[in-house]
PDB file of N, CA and C in Angstrom:
ATOM      1  N   MET A   1      47.754 127.816 144.530  1.00  0.00           N
ATOM      2  CA  MET A   1      46.686 128.012 143.815  1.00  0.00           C
ATOM      3  C   MET A   1      45.310 126.906 143.463  1.00  0.00           C
ATOM      4  N   GLU A   2      45.895 125.465 143.587  1.00  0.00           N
ATOM      5  CA  GLU A   2      44.888 124.814 143.697  1.00  0.00           C
ATOM      6  C   GLU A   2      43.210 124.730 144.733  1.00  0.00           C
ATOM      7  N   SER A   3      44.102 124.844 145.641  1.00  0.00           N
ATOM      8  CA  SER A   3      44.312 124.632 146.740  1.00  0.00           C
ATOM      9  C   SER A   3      42.985 125.594 146.800  1.00  0.00           C
ATOM     10  N   GLU A   4      43.478 126.417 146.778  1.00  0.00           N
ATOM     11  CA  GLU A   4      42.579 128.404 147.145  1.00  0.00           C
ATOM     12  C   GLU A   4      41.372 127.692 146.046  1.00  0.00           C
ATOM     13  N   HIS A   5      41.244 127.459 145.378  1.00  0.00           N
ATOM     14  CA  HIS A   5      40.182 127.413 144.638  1.00  0.00           C
ATOM     15  C   HIS A   5      39.301 126.141 145.091  1.00  0.00           C
ATOM     16  N   LEU A   6      40.651 125.120 145.881  1.00  0.00           N
ATOM     17  CA  LEU A   6      39.574 123.694 146.503  1.00  0.00           C
ATOM     18  C   LEU A   6      38.567 124.613 147.245  1.00  0.00           C
ATOM     19  N   GLN A   7      39.312 124.798 148.392  1.00  0.00           N
ATOM     20  CA  GLN A   7      39.038 125.807 149.604  1.00  0.00           C
ATOM     21  C   GLN A   7      37.966 126.396 149.360  1.00  0.00           C
ATOM     22  N   THR A   8      37.353 127.245 148.559  1.00  0.00           N
ATOM     23  CA  THR A   8      36.848 127.943 148.191  1.00  0.00           C
ATOM     24  C   THR A   8      35.672 127.394 147.967  1.00  0.00           C
ATOM     25  N   LEU A   9      35.643 125.948 147.423  1.00  0.00           N
ATOM     26  CA  LEU A   9      33.744 125.344 145.683  1.00  0.00           C
ATOM     27  C   LEU A   9      33.699 124.922 147.101  1.00  0.00           C
ATOM     28  N   ILE A  10      34.736 124.293 148.299  1.00  0.00           N
ATOM     29  CA  ILE A  10      34.677 123.577 148.983  1.00  0.00           C
ATOM     30  C   ILE A  10      33.488 124.842 150.474  1.00  0.00           C
ATOM     31  N   ASN A  11      34.021 125.854 150.854  1.00  0.00           N
ATOM     32  CA  ASN A  11      33.356 126.820 151.171  1.00  0.00           C
ATOM     33  C   ASN A  11      32.144 127.777 150.599  1.00  0.00           C
ATOM     34  N   ILE A  12      31.551 127.168 149.485  1.00  0.00           N
ATOM     35  CA  ILE A  12      30.244 127.896 148.768  1.00  0.00           C
ATOM     36  C   ILE A  12      29.382 126.245 148.897  1.00  0.00           C
ATOM     37  N   LYS A  13      29.838 125.039 148.728  1.00  0.00           N
ATOM     38  CA  LYS A  13      29.474 123.909 148.672  1.00  0.00           C
ATOM     39  C   LYS A  13      28.200 124.024 150.206  1.00  0.00           C
ATOM     40  N   GLN A  14      29.406 124.206 151.136  1.00  0.00           N
ATOM     41  CA  GLN A  14      29.036 124.801 152.933  1.00  0.00           C
ATOM     42  C   GLN A  14      27.700 125.012 153.113  1.00  0.00           C
ATOM     43  N   ILE A  15      28.255 126.364 152.298  1.00  0.00           N
ATOM     44  CA  ILE A  15      26.711 127.801 152.627  1.00  0.00           C
ATOM     45  C   ILE A  15      25.682 127.193 151.632  1.00  0.00           C
ATOM     46  N   PHE A  16      25.471 126.920 150.701  1.00  0.00           N
ATOM     47  CA  PHE A  16      24.413 126.410 149.722  1.00  0.00           C
ATOM     48  C   PHE A  16      23.868 124.678 150.863  1.00  0.00           C
ATOM     49  N   GLU A  17      24.460 124.144 151.648  1.00  0.00           N
ATOM     50  CA  GLU A  17      24.126 122.924 152.620  1.00  0.00           C
ATOM     51  C   GLU A  17      24.021 123.454 153.740  1.00  0.00           C
ATOM     52  N   LEU A  18      24.079 124.781 154.246  1.00  0.00           N
ATOM     53  CA  LEU A  18      23.000 125.440 154.985  1.00  0.00           C
ATOM     54  C   LEU A  18      22.201 126.607 155.331  1.00  0.00           C
ATOM     55  N   SER A  19      22.348 127.562 154.018  1.00  0.00           N
ATOM     56  CA  SER A  19      21.248 127.584 153.110  1.00  0.00           C
ATOM     57  C   SER A  19      20.108 126.744 153.086  1.00  0.00           C
ATOM     58  N   GLN A  20      19.906 125.249 152.456  1.00  0.00           N
ATOM     59  CA  GLN A  20      19.147 123.233 152.941  1.00  0.00           C
ATOM     60  C   GLN A  20      18.767 123.785 153.446  1.00  0.00           C
ATOM     61  N   SER A  21      19.775 123.856 154.668  1.00  0.00           N
ATOM     62  CA  SER A  21      19.148 122.947 156.372  1.00  0.00           C
ATOM     63  C   SER A  21      18.147 124.646 157.222  1.00  0.00           C
ATOM     64  N   ARG A  22      18.132 126.083 156.271  1.00  0.00           N
ATOM     65  CA  ARG A  22      17.536 127.088 157.316  1.00  0.00           C
ATOM     66  C   ARG A  22      16.124 126.990 155.708  1.00  0.00           C
ATOM     67  N   GLY A  23      16.003 126.422 155.288  1.00  0.00           N
ATOM     68  CA  GLY A  23      14.787 126.799 154.561  1.00  0.00           C
ATOM     69  C   GLY A  23      14.981 127.548 153.321  1.00  0.00           C
ATOM     70  N   CYS A  24      15.702 127.746 152.769  1.00  0.00           N
ATOM     71  CA  CYS A  24      15.993 129.440 152.078  1.00  0.00           C
ATOM     72  C   CYS A  24      15.236 129.006 150.682  1.00  0.00           C
ATOM     73  N   TRP A  25      15.205 128.882 150.572  1.00  0.00           N
ATOM     74  CA  TRP A  25      15.071 127.942 148.535  1.00  0.00           C
ATOM     75  C   TRP A  25      13.633 127.726 148.734  1.00  0.00           C
ATOM     76  N   LYS A  26      13.004 128.403 147.867  1.00  0.00           N
ATOM     77  CA  LYS A  26      10.856 128.498 147.663  1.00  0.00           C
ATOM     78  C   LYS A  26      11.809 127.214 146.538  1.00  0.00           C
ATOM     79  N   LEU A  27      10.447 126.558 146.901  1.00  0.00           N
ATOM     80  CA  LEU A  27      10.280 125.179 146.456  1.00  0.00           C
ATOM     81  C   LEU A  27      10.356 124.950 144.336  1.00  0.00           C
ATOM     82  N   ASP A  28      10.470 127.011 143.711  1.00  0.00           N
ATOM     83  CA  ASP A  28       9.986 126.956 142.521  1.00  0.00           C
ATOM     84  C   ASP A  28      11.545 126.840 142.055  1.00  0.00           C
ATOM     85  N   GLU A  29      12.099 126.705 143.611  1.00  0.00           N
ATOM     86  CA  GLU A  29      14.129 127.422 143.642  1.00  0.00           C
ATOM     87  C   GLU A  29      14.805 126.540 143.090  1.00  0.00           C
ATOM     88  N   ALA A  30      14.478 125.642 143.776  1.00  0.00           N
ATOM     89  CA  ALA A  30      14.902 123.653 144.703  1.00  0.00           C
ATOM     90  C   ALA A  30      15.836 123.683 143.392  1.00  0.00           C
ATOM     91  N   LYS A  31      15.067 123.167 142.544  1.00  0.00           N
ATOM     92  CA  LYS A  31      14.934 122.335 141.327  1.00  0.00           C
ATOM     93  C   LYS A  31      16.752 122.327 140.966  1.00  0.00           C
ATOM     94  N   ASN A  32      17.086 123.554 140.146  1.00  0.00           N
ATOM     95  CA  ASN A  32      17.715 125.106 139.778  1.00  0.00           C
ATOM     96  C   ASN A  32      19.645 124.901 141.213  1.00  0.00           C
ATOM     97  N   VAL A  33      18.874 124.471 142.281  1.00  0.00           N
ATOM     98  CA  VAL A  33      19.609 124.958 143.686  1.00  0.00           C
ATOM     99  C   VAL A  33      20.252 123.384 143.762  1.00  0.00           C
ATOM    100  N   VAL A  34      19.675 122.315 143.457  1.00  0.00           N
ATOM    101  CA  VAL A  34      19.642 120.774 143.640  1.00  0.00           C
ATOM    102  C   VAL A  34      20.516 120.947 142.412  1.00  0.00           C
ATOM    103  N   THR A  35      20.384 121.500 141.093  1.00  0.00           N
ATOM    104  CA  THR A  35      21.279 120.991 139.661  1.00  0.00           C
ATOM    105  C   THR A  35      22.710 121.615 140.060  1.00  0.00           C
ATOM    106  N   LEU A  36      22.961 122.878 140.446  1.00  0.00           N
ATOM    107  CA  LEU A  36      23.916 123.269 140.508  1.00  0.00           C
ATOM    108  C   LEU A  36      25.738 123.282 141.548  1.00  0.00           C
ATOM    109  N   TYR A  37      23.941 122.141 142.606  1.00  0.00           N
ATOM    110  CA  TYR A  37      25.197 122.188 144.175  1.00  0.00           C
ATOM    111  C   TYR A  37      25.364 120.769 143.644  1.00  0.00           C
ATOM    112  N   GLU A  38      24.922 119.439 142.576  1.00  0.00           N
ATOM    113  CA  GLU A  38      25.211 118.244 142.180  1.00  0.00           C
ATOM    114  C   GLU A  38      26.272 118.735 141.385  1.00  0.00           C
ATOM    115  N   ARG A  39      26.536 119.617 140.593  1.00  0.00           N
ATOM    116  CA  ARG A  39      27.626 119.939 139.642  1.00  0.00           C
ATOM    117  C   ARG A  39      28.687 120.527 140.746  1.00  0.00           C
ATOM    118  N   LEU A  40      28.251 121.204 141.618  1.00  0.00           N
ATOM    119  CA  LEU A  40      29.790 122.226 141.755  1.00  0.00           C
ATOM    120  C   LEU A  40      29.620 119.973 143.100  1.00  0.00           C
ATOM    121  N   CYS A  41      29.169 119.332 143.695  1.00  0.00           N
ATOM    122  CA  CYS A  41      29.868 118.276 143.916  1.00  0.00           C
ATOM    123  C   CYS A  41      30.965 117.384 143.356  1.00  0.00           C
ATOM    124  N   ILE A  42      30.965 117.486 141.942  1.00  0.00           N
ATOM    125  CA  ILE A  42      31.325 116.956 141.221  1.00  0.00           C
ATOM    126  C   ILE A  42      32.849 117.622 140.341  1.00  0.00           C
ATOM    127  N   ILE A  43      32.638 119.018 141.000  1.00  0.00           N
ATOM    128  CA  ILE A  43      34.021 119.250 140.323  1.00  0.00           C
ATOM    129  C   ILE A  43      35.005 119.117 141.699  1.00  0.00           C
ATOM    130  N   ILE A  44      34.441 119.598 143.056  1.00  0.00           N
ATOM    131  CA  ILE A  44      34.512 119.677 144.061  1.00  0.00           C
ATOM    132  C   ILE A  44      35.995 118.109 143.993  1.00  0.00           C
ATOM    133  N   GLN A  45      34.982 117.209 143.210  1.00  0.00           N
ATOM    134  CA  GLN A  45      35.119 115.582 143.360  1.00  0.00           C
ATOM    135  C   GLN A  45      36.821 115.163 142.482  1.00  0.00           C
ATOM    136  N   HIS A  46      36.524 116.270 141.280  1.00  0.00           N
ATOM    137  CA  HIS A  46      37.664 115.752 140.737  1.00  0.00           C
ATOM    138  C   HIS A  46      39.235 116.759 140.656  1.00  0.00           C
ATOM    139  N   TYR A  47      38.664 118.317 141.618  1.00  0.00           N
ATOM    140  CA  TYR A  47      40.008 118.432 142.151  1.00  0.00           C
ATOM    141  C   TYR A  47      40.461 117.988 143.728  1.00  0.00           C
ATOM    142  N   GLU A  48      39.539 116.873 143.824  1.00  0.00           N
ATOM    143  CA  GLU A  48      40.716 116.006 145.412  1.00  0.00           C
ATOM    144  C   GLU A  48      41.278 114.836 144.898  1.00  0.00           C
ATOM    145  N   LYS A  49      40.295 114.604 143.249  1.00  0.00           N
ATOM    146  CA  LYS A  49      41.334 113.044 143.349  1.00  0.00           C
ATOM    147  C   LYS A  49      42.243 113.712 142.421  1.00  0.00           C
ATOM    148  N   SER A  50      42.242 114.696 141.749  1.00  0.00           N
ATOM    149  CA  SER A  50      43.081 115.374 140.978  1.00  0.00           C
ATOM    150  C   SER A  50      45.105 115.594 142.313  1.00  0.00           C
ATOM    151  N   LYS A  51      43.696 116.141 143.543  1.00  0.00           N
ATOM    152  CA  LYS A  51      45.068 116.587 144.305  1.00  0.00           C
ATOM    153  C   LYS A  51      45.292 115.511 144.889  1.00  0.00           C
ATOM    154  N   GLU A  52      44.078 114.123 145.287  1.00  0.00           N
ATOM    155  CA  GLU A  52      44.996 112.783 146.072  1.00  0.00           C
ATOM    156  C   GLU A  52      46.096 112.493 144.369  1.00  0.00           C
ATOM    157  N   LEU A  53      45.390 112.643 143.814  1.00  0.00           N
ATOM    158  CA  LEU A  53      47.053 112.203 142.171  1.00  0.00           C
ATOM    159  C   LEU A  53      47.643 111.743 142.297  1.00  0.00           C
ATOM    160  N   ASN A  54      48.052 113.755 142.808  1.00  0.00           N
ATOM    161  CA  ASN A  54      49.440 113.789 142.062  1.00  0.00           C
ATOM    162  C   ASN A  54      50.091 114.092 144.393  1.00  0.00           C
ATOM    163  N   THR A  55      49.601 114.036 145.013  1.00  0.00           N
ATOM    164  CA  THR A  55      50.714 113.757 145.625  1.00  0.00           C
ATOM    165  C   THR A  55      50.632 112.003 145.139  1.00  0.00           C
ATOM    166  N   ILE A  56      50.277 111.582 145.111  1.00  0.00           N
ATOM    167  CA  ILE A  56      50.722 109.671 145.141  1.00  0.00           C
ATOM    168  C   ILE A  56      52.094 109.564 143.937  1.00  0.00           C
ATOM    169  N   GLN A  57      51.889 110.418 142.733  1.00  0.00           N
ATOM    170  CA  GLN A  57      53.162 111.067 141.704  1.00  0.00           C
ATOM    171  C   GLN A  57      54.987 111.621 142.966  1.00  0.00           C
ATOM    172  N   GLU A  58      53.599 112.312 143.604  1.00  0.00           N
ATOM    173  CA  GLU A  58      54.541 113.545 144.426  1.00  0.00           C
ATOM    174  C   GLU A  58      55.582 112.397 145.290  1.00  0.00           C
ATOM    175  N   GLU A  59      54.682 111.334 146.075  1.00  0.00           N
ATOM    176  CA  GLU A  59      54.885 110.478 146.651  1.00  0.00           C
ATOM    177  C   GLU A  59      56.167 109.264 145.547  1.00  0.00           C
ATOM    178  N   ASN A  60      55.017 108.913 145.055  1.00  0.00           N
ATOM    179  CA  ASN A  60      56.269 108.105 143.534  1.00  0.00           C
ATOM    180  C   ASN A  60      57.522 108.579 143.390  1.00  0.00           C
ATOM    181  N   GLU A  61      57.812 109.908 143.457  1.00  0.00           N
ATOM    182  CA  GLU A  61      58.236 110.502 142.056  1.00  0.00           C
ATOM    183  C   GLU A  61      60.220 110.708 144.122  1.00  0.00           C
ATOM    184  N   ILE A  62      59.639 110.574 145.338  1.00  0.00           N
ATOM    185  CA  ILE A  62      60.669 110.597 146.109  1.00  0.00           C
ATOM    186  C   ILE A  62      60.986 109.202 146.394  1.00  0.00           C
ATOM    187  N   VAL A  63      60.033 108.263 146.655  1.00  0.00           N
ATOM    188  CA  VAL A  63      60.594 106.898 146.746  1.00  0.00           C
ATOM    189  C   VAL A  63      61.644 106.650 145.212  1.00  0.00           C
ATOM    190  N   GLU A  64      61.296 106.575 144.487  1.00  0.00           N
ATOM    191  CA  GLU A  64      62.088 107.000 142.775  1.00  0.00           C
ATOM    192  C   GLU A  64      63.416 107.121 143.394  1.00  0.00           C
ATOM    193  N   THR A  65      63.906 108.002 144.041  1.00  0.00           N
ATOM    194  CA  THR A  65      65.109 109.262 144.597  1.00  0.00           C
ATOM    195  C   THR A  65      65.404 108.318 145.519  1.00  0.00           C
ATOM    196  N   VAL A  66      65.206 108.278 146.614  1.00  0.00           N
ATOM    197  CA  VAL A  66      65.203 106.877 147.254  1.00  0.00           C
ATOM    198  C   VAL A  66      65.634 105.942 147.510  1.00  0.00           C
ATOM    199  N   ASP A  67      65.563 105.315 146.374  1.00  0.00           N
ATOM    200  CA  ASP A  67      66.016 103.860 145.346  1.00  0.00           C
ATOM    201  C   ASP A  67      66.824 104.410 145.265  1.00  0.00           C
ATOM    202  N   LYS A  68      67.079 105.548 143.981  1.00  0.00           N
ATOM    203  CA  LYS A  68      68.712 106.435 143.369  1.00  0.00           C
ATOM    204  C   LYS A  68      68.978 106.437 143.855  1.00  0.00           C
ATOM    205  N   VAL A  69      68.793 106.865 145.220  1.00  0.00           N
ATOM    206  CA  VAL A  69      70.596 106.987 145.785  1.00  0.00           C
ATOM    207  C   VAL A  69      70.891 106.229 147.135  1.00  0.00           C
ATOM    208  N   ILE A  70      70.447 104.928 147.518  1.00  0.00           N
ATOM    209  CA  ILE A  70      70.336 104.491 147.938  1.00  0.00           C
ATOM    210  C   ILE A  70      71.303 103.087 146.712  1.00  0.00           C
ATOM    211  N   ASP A  71      70.946 102.414 145.343  1.00  0.00           N
ATOM    212  CA  ASP A  71      70.929 102.259 144.404  1.00  0.00           C
ATOM    213  C   ASP A  71      73.464 102.926 144.358  1.00  0.00           C
ATOM    214  N   ASP A  72      72.734 103.910 143.724  1.00  0.00           N
ATOM    215  CA  ASP A  72      73.902 105.005 143.722  1.00  0.00           C
ATOM    216  C   ASP A  72      75.322 104.592 144.967  1.00  0.00           C
ATOM    217  N   ILE A  73      74.754 105.056 146.334  1.00  0.00           N
ATOM    218  CA  ILE A  73      75.556 104.196 147.586  1.00  0.00           C
ATOM    219  C   ILE A  73      76.348 103.141 147.731  1.00  0.00           C
ATOM    220  N   SER A  74      74.725 102.409 147.876  1.00  0.00           N
ATOM    221  CA  SER A  74      74.953 100.435 147.106  1.00  0.00           C
ATOM    222  C   SER A  74      76.107 100.603 145.354  1.00  0.00           C
ATOM    223  N   SER A  75      76.648 101.253 144.875  1.00  0.00           N
ATOM    224  CA  SER A  75      77.702 100.955 144.181  1.00  0.00           C
ATOM    225  C   SER A  75      78.916 101.488 145.061  1.00  0.00           C
ATOM    226  N   SER A  76      78.928 102.537 145.121  1.00  0.00           N
ATOM    227  CA  SER A  76      79.776 103.492 145.348  1.00  0.00           C
ATOM    228  C   SER A  76      81.014 102.745 146.269  1.00  0.00           C
ATOM    229  N   LYS A  77      80.437 101.840 147.288  1.00  0.00           N
ATOM    230  CA  LYS A  77      80.628 100.901 148.570  1.00  0.00           C
ATOM    231  C   LYS A  77      81.747  99.461 147.867  1.00  0.00           C
ATOM    232  N   THR A  78      80.440  99.698 146.691  1.00  0.00           N
ATOM    233  CA  THR A  78      80.761  98.223 145.986  1.00  0.00           C
ATOM    234  C   THR A  78      82.451  98.684 145.347  1.00  0.00           C
ATOM    235  N   LYS A  79      82.211  99.049 144.485  1.00  0.00           N
ATOM    236  CA  LYS A  79      83.734  99.813 143.794  1.00  0.00           C
ATOM    237  C   LYS A  79      84.789 100.067 145.151  1.00  0.00           C
ATOM    238  N   ASN A  80      84.142 100.275 145.763  1.00  0.00           N
ATOM    239  CA  ASN A  80      85.968 100.538 147.246  1.00  0.00           C
ATOM    240  C   ASN A  80      86.427  99.346 147.934  1.00  0.00           C
ATOM    241  N   ILE A  81      84.742  98.341 147.931  1.00  0.00           N
ATOM    242  CA  ILE A  81      85.485  97.061 148.102  1.00  0.00           C
ATOM    243  C   ILE A  81      86.734  97.212 147.156  1.00  0.00           C
ATOM    244  N   THR A  82      85.544  96.463 146.320  1.00  0.00           N
ATOM    245  CA  THR A  82      86.892  95.664 145.340  1.00  0.00           C
ATOM    246  C   THR A  82      88.307  96.873 145.043  1.00  0.00           C
ATOM    247  N   VAL A  83      87.973  97.689 144.861  1.00  0.00           N
ATOM    248  CA  VAL A  83      89.485  98.336 145.219  1.00  0.00           C
ATOM    249  C   VAL A  83      90.773  98.264 146.147  1.00  0.00           C
ATOM    250  N   GLU A  84      90.338  98.312 147.038  1.00  0.00           N
ATOM    251  CA  GLU A  84      90.874  98.056 148.412  1.00  0.00           C
ATOM    252  C   GLU A  84      91.031  96.372 148.672  1.00  0.00           C
ATOM    253  N   GLU A  85      90.178  94.926 148.142  1.00  0.00           N
ATOM    254  CA  GLU A  85      90.920  94.222 147.903  1.00  0.00           C
ATOM    255  C   GLU A  85      91.947  93.494 146.950  1.00  0.00           C
ATOM    256  N   MET A  86      92.344  94.777 145.944  1.00  0.00           N
ATOM    257  CA  MET A  86      92.947  95.308 144.718  1.00  0.00           C
ATOM    258  C   MET A  86      93.935  95.658 145.690  1.00  0.00           C
ATOM    259  N   GLU A  87      93.915  96.107 146.602  1.00  0.00           N
ATOM    260  CA  GLU A  87      95.307  97.014 146.842  1.00  0.00           C
ATOM    261  C   GLU A  87      96.295  96.107 147.945  1.00  0.00           C
ATOM    262  N   ASN A  88      95.380  94.751 148.742  1.00  0.00           N
ATOM    263  CA  ASN A  88      95.763  94.091 149.657  1.00  0.00           C
ATOM    264  C   ASN A  88      95.558  92.711 148.798  1.00  0.00           C
ATOM    265  N   THR A  89      95.943  92.669 147.950  1.00  0.00           N
ATOM    266  CA  THR A  89      96.555  91.062 147.600  1.00  0.00           C
ATOM    267  C   THR A  89      98.082  91.730 146.667  1.00  0.00           C
ATOM    268  N   ASP A  90      98.396  92.962 146.633  1.00  0.00           N
ATOM    269  CA  ASP A  90     100.314  93.147 146.260  1.00  0.00           C
ATOM    270  C   ASP A  90     101.374  92.578 147.358  1.00  0.00           C
TER     271      ASP A  90
END
């Protein structure tokens, strides 16, 4: 859902940029439009940073899970080797 909101805001930003490039705004409207545009850019940056942080956090969780699985496998192999060595000593 968050990515849908972000895409909507990006689309609105593009409409502002296109409108400005076509000279859509009167001089007395420009100040308000610029203020709105700047606020919109700040919100988009916030969403993008939040999304980036979530991605990094998800990647870290995956790495931690893989590390745990590797540790579990390593621990399991060590236990098996120890048991086999004890059986061979009889």
